[in-house]
């Protein structure tokens, strides 16, 4: 997937941002356990982040931002009936991505 992504999008790898969701249940329940990190989702998160970065893509791990925000504000990032981000979760993710991009070059207009 990552090898084909740049060609499929007709952009350079360095112009691609891959943001990987956190293991949110572990954020709400306390520190991420070793078992969670070794789960399929945990291993895939690590693999995608590592491989995207190795290909020159900007890889953004949202776990740090979600964990810090939940510790500070105690607000969940999805509604009780759904695992998709709510508006608050989208705002936290967007801010984390913008912070990770920092002075990332803007496209020419």
Protein backbone atom coordinates (compact mmCIF):
# COMPACT_ATOMS: atom_id res chain seq x y z
CA UNK A 1 0.00 0.00 0.00
CA UNK A 2 2.64 2.53 1.01
CA UNK A 3 4.81 1.68 -1.99
CA UNK A 4 1.89 2.35 -4.34
CA UNK A 5 0.46 5.37 -2.56
CA UNK A 6 2.68 8.11 -3.98
CA UNK A 7 2.28 6.88 -7.55
CA UNK A 8 -1.47 6.48 -7.16
CA UNK A 9 -1.80 10.01 -5.85
CA UNK A 10 0.70 11.45 -8.36
CA UNK A 11 2.63 13.21 -5.60
CA UNK A 12 6.07 12.81 -4.09
CA UNK A 13 6.29 10.67 -0.92
CA UNK A 14 7.46 13.70 1.10
CA UNK A 15 4.13 15.41 0.28
CA UNK A 16 2.10 12.64 1.93
CA UNK A 17 1.00 12.74 5.56
CA UNK A 18 0.03 9.48 7.26
CA UNK A 19 -1.75 10.00 10.59
CA UNK A 20 -2.25 6.88 12.71
CA UNK A 21 -4.99 6.74 15.33
CA UNK A 22 -4.23 5.98 18.96
CA UNK A 23 -5.31 2.89 20.83
CA UNK A 24 -8.02 4.94 22.47
CA UNK A 25 -9.50 2.26 24.79
CA UNK A 26 -6.11 2.00 26.49
CA UNK A 27 -5.96 5.78 26.84
CA UNK A 28 -9.24 5.81 28.75
CA UNK A 29 -8.32 2.80 30.88
CA UNK A 30 -4.81 3.93 31.81
CA UNK A 31 -1.33 3.40 30.41
CA UNK A 32 -1.04 1.30 27.29
CA UNK A 33 -0.06 -2.18 28.35
CA UNK A 34 2.61 -4.26 26.66
CA UNK A 35 -0.14 -6.66 25.57
CA UNK A 36 -1.96 -3.85 23.76
CA UNK A 37 1.22 -2.81 21.98
CA UNK A 38 1.75 -6.41 20.91
CA UNK A 39 -1.82 -6.76 19.65
CA UNK A 40 -2.55 -6.80 15.93
CA UNK A 41 -3.62 -3.14 16.02
CA UNK A 42 -0.61 -2.14 18.10
CA UNK A 43 1.82 -3.92 15.79
CA UNK A 44 0.16 -2.48 12.67
CA UNK A 45 0.33 1.05 14.13
CA UNK A 46 4.06 0.70 14.72
CA UNK A 47 4.66 -0.89 11.33
CA UNK A 48 2.76 1.78 9.36
CA UNK A 49 4.49 4.64 11.22
CA UNK A 50 7.94 3.11 10.71
CA UNK A 51 7.43 2.19 7.06
CA UNK A 52 5.83 5.51 6.10
CA UNK A 53 8.74 7.41 7.63
CA UNK A 54 11.23 5.10 5.89
CA UNK A 55 9.63 6.06 2.56
CA UNK A 56 9.98 9.77 3.28
CA UNK A 57 6.34 10.35 4.20
CA UNK A 58 5.39 12.45 7.20
CA UNK A 59 4.19 9.90 9.78
CA UNK A 60 2.10 11.33 12.62
CA UNK A 61 1.36 9.16 15.66
CA UNK A 62 -1.79 10.58 17.28
CA UNK A 63 -1.39 8.58 20.50
CA UNK A 64 0.74 11.23 22.21
CA UNK A 65 -1.77 13.99 21.48
CA UNK A 66 -4.82 11.95 22.47
CA UNK A 67 -3.15 10.69 25.65
CA UNK A 68 -2.03 14.19 26.72
CA UNK A 69 -5.40 15.74 25.93
CA UNK A 70 -7.35 13.06 27.79
CA UNK A 71 -5.08 13.43 30.83
CA UNK A 72 -5.62 17.21 30.82
CA UNK A 73 -9.32 17.40 29.90
CA UNK A 74 -10.86 13.97 30.48
CA UNK A 75 -12.96 14.32 27.32
CA UNK A 76 -13.56 11.31 25.10
CA UNK A 77 -12.82 11.54 21.39
CA UNK A 78 -15.84 9.63 20.13
CA UNK A 79 -19.53 9.34 21.02
CA UNK A 80 -20.65 6.57 23.37
CA UNK A 81 -22.38 4.67 20.55
CA UNK A 82 -19.62 4.86 17.92
CA UNK A 83 -15.84 4.44 17.70
CA UNK A 84 -15.39 7.18 15.09
CA UNK A 85 -14.01 10.52 16.24
CA UNK A 86 -16.48 13.17 17.31
CA UNK A 87 -15.88 16.88 16.57
CA UNK A 88 -13.60 17.14 19.60
CA UNK A 89 -11.54 14.14 18.50
CA UNK A 90 -11.19 15.62 15.02
CA UNK A 91 -9.99 18.92 16.52
CA UNK A 92 -7.36 17.18 18.68
CA UNK A 93 -6.17 15.12 15.70
CA UNK A 94 -6.04 18.16 13.41
CA UNK A 95 -4.01 20.14 15.94
CA UNK A 96 -1.60 17.23 16.39
CA UNK A 97 -1.12 16.95 12.64
CA UNK A 98 -0.58 20.70 12.26
CA UNK A 99 1.93 20.65 15.13
CA UNK A 100 3.75 17.69 13.61
CA UNK A 101 3.98 19.45 10.26
CA UNK A 102 5.49 22.55 11.84
CA UNK A 103 7.25 24.43 9.07
CA UNK A 104 6.45 21.79 6.48
CA UNK A 105 6.65 23.42 3.04
CA UNK A 106 3.32 24.74 1.80
CA UNK A 107 2.32 23.98 -1.79
CA UNK A 108 2.84 26.77 -4.33
CA UNK A 109 -0.31 28.66 -5.20
